[in-house]
C-alpha atoms as a PDB file:
ATOM      1  CA  UNK A   1       0.685   6.303  27.370  1.00  0.00           C
ATOM      2  CA  UNK A   2       2.252   9.132  25.193  1.00  0.00           C
ATOM      3  CA  UNK A   3       1.605   9.629  20.978  1.00  0.00           C
ATOM      4  CA  UNK A   4       5.417   8.831  20.036  1.00  0.00           C
ATOM      5  CA  UNK A   5       5.457   5.401  21.804  1.00  0.00           C
ATOM      6  CA  UNK A   6       2.582   3.944  20.804  1.00  0.00           C
ATOM      7  CA  UNK A   7       3.374   5.295  17.178  1.00  0.00           C
ATOM      8  CA  UNK A   8       6.346   3.265  18.063  1.00  0.00           C
ATOM      9  CA  UNK A   9       4.996   0.182  19.838  1.00  0.00           C
ATOM     10  CA  UNK A  10       2.305  -0.163  16.401  1.00  0.00           C
ATOM     11  CA  UNK A  11       4.712   0.234  13.641  1.00  0.00           C
ATOM     12  CA  UNK A  12       8.293  -0.299  14.692  1.00  0.00           C
ATOM     13  CA  UNK A  13       7.601  -3.916  15.241  1.00  0.00           C
ATOM     14  CA  UNK A  14       8.348  -7.125  13.819  1.00  0.00           C
ATOM     15  CA  UNK A  15       4.638  -7.812  12.420  1.00  0.00           C
ATOM     16  CA  UNK A  16       4.868  -4.320  10.675  1.00  0.00           C
ATOM     17  CA  UNK A  17       8.078  -5.789   8.903  1.00  0.00           C
ATOM     18  CA  UNK A  18       5.954  -8.677   8.553  1.00  0.00           C
ATOM     19  CA  UNK A  19       3.379  -6.895   6.970  1.00  0.00           C
ATOM     20  CA  UNK A  20       5.455  -4.963   4.767  1.00  0.00           C
ATOM     21  CA  UNK A  21       7.505  -7.476   3.304  1.00  0.00           C
ATOM     22  CA  UNK A  22       3.783  -9.464   2.542  1.00  0.00           C
ATOM     23  CA  UNK A  23       2.669  -6.169   0.914  1.00  0.00           C
ATOM     24  CA  UNK A  24       5.900  -6.097  -1.513  1.00  0.00           C
ATOM     25  CA  UNK A  25       5.402  -9.602  -2.063  1.00  0.00           C
ATOM     26  CA  UNK A  26       1.564  -8.964  -3.440  1.00  0.00           C
ATOM     27  CA  UNK A  27       3.078  -6.608  -5.523  1.00  0.00           C
ATOM     28  CA  UNK A  28       5.660  -8.554  -6.840  1.00  0.00           C
ATOM     29  CA  UNK A  29       3.336 -11.161  -8.028  1.00  0.00           C
ATOM     30  CA  UNK A  30       0.282  -8.250  -9.175  1.00  0.00           C
ATOM     31  CA  UNK A  31       3.416  -6.895 -11.381  1.00  0.00           C
ATOM     32  CA  UNK A  32       4.667 -10.231 -12.184  1.00  0.00           C
ATOM     33  CA  UNK A  33       1.590 -11.688 -13.729  1.00  0.00           C
ATOM     34  CA  UNK A  34       0.025  -8.624 -15.090  1.00  0.00           C
ATOM     35  CA  UNK A  35       3.239  -8.597 -17.298  1.00  0.00           C
ATOM     36  CA  UNK A  36       3.210 -12.247 -18.460  1.00  0.00           C
ATOM     37  CA  UNK A  37      -0.205 -11.795 -19.012  1.00  0.00           C
ATOM     38  CA  UNK A  38       0.103  -8.828 -21.324  1.00  0.00           C
ATOM     39  CA  UNK A  39       2.676 -10.434 -22.582  1.00  0.00           C
ATOM     40  CA  UNK A  40       0.726 -13.004 -23.518  1.00  0.00           C
ATOM     41  CA  UNK A  41      -1.498 -10.977 -25.472  1.00  0.00           C
ATOM     42  CA  UNK A  42      -4.234 -10.803 -22.915  1.00  0.00           C
ATOM     43  CA  UNK A  43      -6.145  -7.251 -22.694  1.00  0.00           C
ATOM     44  CA  UNK A  44      -4.594  -5.593 -20.036  1.00  0.00           C
ATOM     45  CA  UNK A  45      -7.720  -4.785 -17.937  1.00  0.00           C
ATOM     46  CA  UNK A  46      -8.386  -8.681 -18.054  1.00  0.00           C
ATOM     47  CA  UNK A  47      -4.453  -8.655 -17.534  1.00  0.00           C
ATOM     48  CA  UNK A  48      -4.910  -6.555 -14.878  1.00  0.00           C
ATOM     49  CA  UNK A  49      -7.843  -8.470 -13.121  1.00  0.00           C
ATOM     50  CA  UNK A  50      -6.374 -11.612 -13.104  1.00  0.00           C
ATOM     51  CA  UNK A  51      -3.302 -10.479 -11.294  1.00  0.00           C
ATOM     52  CA  UNK A  52      -4.752  -8.303  -8.501  1.00  0.00           C
ATOM     53  CA  UNK A  53      -6.914 -11.292  -7.754  1.00  0.00           C
ATOM     54  CA  UNK A  54      -4.464 -13.631  -7.341  1.00  0.00           C
ATOM     55  CA  UNK A  55      -2.203 -10.731  -5.885  1.00  0.00           C
ATOM     56  CA  UNK A  56      -5.351 -10.270  -2.940  1.00  0.00           C
ATOM     57  CA  UNK A  57      -5.839 -14.014  -2.491  1.00  0.00           C
ATOM     58  CA  UNK A  58      -1.919 -13.876  -1.653  1.00  0.00           C
ATOM     59  CA  UNK A  59      -1.884 -10.949   0.085  1.00  0.00           C
ATOM     60  CA  UNK A  60      -4.867 -12.373   2.319  1.00  0.00           C
ATOM     61  CA  UNK A  61      -3.018 -15.939   2.902  1.00  0.00           C
ATOM     62  CA  UNK A  62       0.170 -14.670   3.986  1.00  0.00           C
ATOM     63  CA  UNK A  63      -1.385 -12.173   6.406  1.00  0.00           C
ATOM     64  CA  UNK A  64      -3.810 -14.461   7.789  1.00  0.00           C
ATOM     65  CA  UNK A  65      -1.223 -17.156   8.582  1.00  0.00           C
ATOM     66  CA  UNK A  66       2.113 -15.686   8.702  1.00  0.00           C
ATOM     67  CA  UNK A  67       2.155 -11.926   9.625  1.00  0.00           C
ATOM     68  CA  UNK A  68      -1.431 -12.184  12.263  1.00  0.00           C
ATOM     69  CA  UNK A  69      -1.562 -15.848  12.982  1.00  0.00           C
ATOM     70  CA  UNK A  70      -5.677 -15.360  13.076  1.00  0.00           C
ATOM     71  CA  UNK A  71      -7.023 -18.209  14.455  1.00  0.00           C
ATOM     72  CA  UNK A  72     -10.529 -17.066  13.293  1.00  0.00           C
ATOM     73  CA  UNK A  73     -13.212 -20.079  12.686  1.00  0.00           C
ATOM     74  CA  UNK A  74     -15.479 -17.841  10.148  1.00  0.00           C
ATOM     75  CA  UNK A  75     -13.117 -17.732   7.907  1.00  0.00           C
ATOM     76  CA  UNK A  76     -15.450 -16.141   5.159  1.00  0.00           C
ATOM     77  CA  UNK A  77     -16.566 -13.484   7.634  1.00  0.00           C
ATOM     78  CA  UNK A  78     -12.315 -12.622   7.983  1.00  0.00           C
ATOM     79  CA  UNK A  79     -12.110 -12.554   4.485  1.00  0.00           C
ATOM     80  CA  UNK A  80     -15.523 -10.449   3.872  1.00  0.00           C
ATOM     81  CA  UNK A  81     -13.603  -7.665   5.982  1.00  0.00           C
ATOM     82  CA  UNK A  82     -10.581  -8.110   4.198  1.00  0.00           C
ATOM     83  CA  UNK A  83     -12.126  -7.614   0.855  1.00  0.00           C
ATOM     84  CA  UNK A  84     -13.851  -4.775   2.891  1.00  0.00           C
ATOM     85  CA  UNK A  85     -10.261  -2.900   3.832  1.00  0.00           C
ATOM     86  CA  UNK A  86      -9.252  -3.816   0.133  1.00  0.00           C
ATOM     87  CA  UNK A  87     -12.379  -1.691  -1.721  1.00  0.00           C
ATOM     88  CA  UNK A  88     -12.069   1.289   1.132  1.00  0.00           C
ATOM     89  CA  UNK A  89      -7.940   0.920  -0.177  1.00  0.00           C
ATOM     90  CA  UNK A  90      -9.077   1.213  -3.630  1.00  0.00           C
ATOM     91  CA  UNK A  91     -11.103   4.057  -3.103  1.00  0.00           C
ATOM     92  CA  UNK A  92      -9.144   6.021  -0.405  1.00  0.00           C
ATOM     93  CA  UNK A  93      -5.848   5.609  -2.941  1.00  0.00           C
ATOM     94  CA  UNK A  94      -7.545   6.671  -6.175  1.00  0.00           C
ATOM     95  CA  UNK A  95      -9.111   9.889  -3.549  1.00  0.00           C
ATOM     96  CA  UNK A  96      -5.188  10.459  -2.212  1.00  0.00           C
ATOM     97  CA  UNK A  97      -3.977   9.997  -5.685  1.00  0.00           C
ATOM     98  CA  UNK A  98      -6.467  12.924  -7.338  1.00  0.00           C
ATOM     99  CA  UNK A  99      -5.793  14.896  -4.018  1.00  0.00           C
ATOM    100  CA  UNK A 100      -1.924  15.029  -4.946  1.00  0.00           C
ATOM    101  CA  UNK A 101      -1.997  15.399  -8.534  1.00  0.00           C
ATOM    102  CA  UNK A 102      -4.492  17.965  -7.903  1.00  0.00           C
ATOM    103  CA  UNK A 103      -2.040  20.193  -5.516  1.00  0.00           C
ATOM    104  CA  UNK A 104       0.928  19.150  -7.662  1.00  0.00           C
ATOM    105  CA  UNK A 105       3.107  17.190  -4.778  1.00  0.00           C
ATOM    106  CA  UNK A 106       5.903  17.140  -6.904  1.00  0.00           C
ATOM    107  CA  UNK A 107       6.320  21.145  -7.036  1.00  0.00           C
ATOM    108  CA  UNK A 108       6.106  20.905  -3.244  1.00  0.00           C
ATOM    109  CA  UNK A 109       8.347  18.423  -2.681  1.00  0.00           C
ATOM    110  CA  UNK A 110      11.367  19.874  -5.304  1.00  0.00           C
ATOM    111  CA  UNK A 111      10.817  23.698  -3.384  1.00  0.00           C
ATOM    112  CA  UNK A 112      11.332  21.917  -0.056  1.00  0.00           C
ATOM    113  CA  UNK A 113      14.539  20.227  -1.542  1.00  0.00           C
ATOM    114  CA  UNK A 114      15.317  23.573  -2.956  1.00  0.00           C
ATOM    115  CA  UNK A 115      14.992  25.281  -0.031  1.00  0.00           C
ATOM    116  CA  UNK A 116      17.073  22.519   1.950  1.00  0.00           C
ATOM    117  CA  UNK A 117      20.235  22.347  -0.851  1.00  0.00           C
ATOM    118  CA  UNK A 118      20.590  22.944  -4.659  1.00  0.00           C
ATOM    119  CA  UNK A 119      21.370  19.364  -4.880  1.00  0.00           C
ATOM    120  CA  UNK A 120      19.306  18.083  -2.892  1.00  0.00           C
ATOM    121  CA  UNK A 121      16.401  19.195  -6.069  1.00  0.00           C
ATOM    122  CA  UNK A 122      18.767  17.736  -8.554  1.00  0.00           C
ATOM    123  CA  UNK A 123      18.490  14.595  -6.834  1.00  0.00           C
ATOM    124  CA  UNK A 124      14.568  14.793  -6.760  1.00  0.00           C
ATOM    125  CA  UNK A 125      14.497  16.487 -10.184  1.00  0.00           C
ATOM    126  CA  UNK A 126      13.295  12.758 -11.718  1.00  0.00           C
ATOM    127  CA  UNK A 127      10.023  14.068 -10.456  1.00  0.00           C
ATOM    128  CA  UNK A 128       9.687  16.930 -12.814  1.00  0.00           C
ATOM    129  CA  UNK A 129       7.089  17.209 -15.066  1.00  0.00           C
ATOM    130  CA  UNK A 130       3.649  15.616 -15.370  1.00  0.00           C
ATOM    131  CA  UNK A 131       4.158  11.964 -15.307  1.00  0.00           C
ATOM    132  CA  UNK A 132       7.215  12.561 -11.928  1.00  0.00           C
ATOM    133  CA  UNK A 133       4.093  14.458 -10.185  1.00  0.00           C
ATOM    134  CA  UNK A 134       1.923  11.547 -11.088  1.00  0.00           C
ATOM    135  CA  UNK A 135       4.230   8.736 -10.216  1.00  0.00           C
ATOM    136  CA  UNK A 136       5.237  10.955  -6.309  1.00  0.00           C
ATOM    137  CA  UNK A 137       1.528  11.425  -5.711  1.00  0.00           C
ATOM    138  CA  UNK A 138       1.235   7.752  -5.916  1.00  0.00           C
ATOM    139  CA  UNK A 139       4.361   6.842  -3.707  1.00  0.00           C
ATOM    140  CA  UNK A 140       2.387   9.193  -1.317  1.00  0.00           C
ATOM    141  CA  UNK A 141      -1.032   7.508  -1.689  1.00  0.00           C
ATOM    142  CA  UNK A 142       0.123   4.503  -1.396  1.00  0.00           C
ATOM    143  CA  UNK A 143       2.366   5.098   1.990  1.00  0.00           C
ATOM    144  CA  UNK A 144      -0.867   6.412   3.350  1.00  0.00           C
ATOM    145  CA  UNK A 145      -2.924   3.225   2.861  1.00  0.00           C
ATOM    146  CA  UNK A 146       0.316   1.049   3.733  1.00  0.00           C
ATOM    147  CA  UNK A 147      -0.624   2.786   7.104  1.00  0.00           C
ATOM    148  CA  UNK A 148      -3.869   2.813   7.014  1.00  0.00           C
ATOM    149  CA  UNK A 149      -4.436  -1.052   5.969  1.00  0.00           C
ATOM    150  CA  UNK A 150      -1.968  -2.207   9.064  1.00  0.00           C
ATOM    151  CA  UNK A 151      -4.532   0.030  11.438  1.00  0.00           C
ATOM    152  CA  UNK A 152      -7.684  -1.781   9.271  1.00  0.00           C
ATOM    153  CA  UNK A 153      -6.236  -5.565   9.608  1.00  0.00           C
ATOM    154  CA  UNK A 154      -4.644  -4.801  13.539  1.00  0.00           C
ATOM    155  CA  UNK A 155      -8.357  -3.492  14.620  1.00  0.00           C
ATOM    156  CA  UNK A 156     -10.974  -5.004  12.579  1.00  0.00           C
ATOM    157  CA  UNK A 157      -9.686  -7.907   9.732  1.00  0.00           C
ATOM    158  CA  UNK A 158      -7.556  -9.774  12.360  1.00  0.00           C
ATOM    159  CA  UNK A 159      -8.362  -8.431  15.634  1.00  0.00           C
ATOM    160  CA  UNK A 160      -5.143  -8.434  17.553  1.00  0.00           C
ATOM    161  CA  UNK A 161      -5.572  -8.743  21.243  1.00  0.00           C
ATOM    162  CA  UNK A 162      -3.605  -7.461  24.218  1.00  0.00           C
ATOM    163  CA  UNK A 163      -1.781 -10.018  25.766  1.00  0.00           C
END
């Protein structure tokens, strides 16, 4: 099987779309609860801890029943694997974030854009400066995490078997 077909068969599937929608849903829940907590006067780290914890549980439940249709009887073991992947994601996301900020990823993107067209460089102008670099670095780090999470869930947590 060639690599392009393997990538297509892994990522361009209804399951990956469900996974992506689930991630967006978990993010929205996390962000909404965090915002409510901060507006209610909770210390921001407490608000974040509560919102992230709830979002992780919601993410697991939706992934288990909707994305992967898991029939695993040992739910605690499966959830433990899920949390292990969450821990890996936390560490790897921070490492990639540090790397992309350190290499000034926004300058690289802007330079590539200007090689293609000056209009394209203007389109990406919002990523200029330190804050723009950090935002773009977060985007790239999270994009990598999206791919690795899907693979870890498929082959480790929910163990999809070929039919």
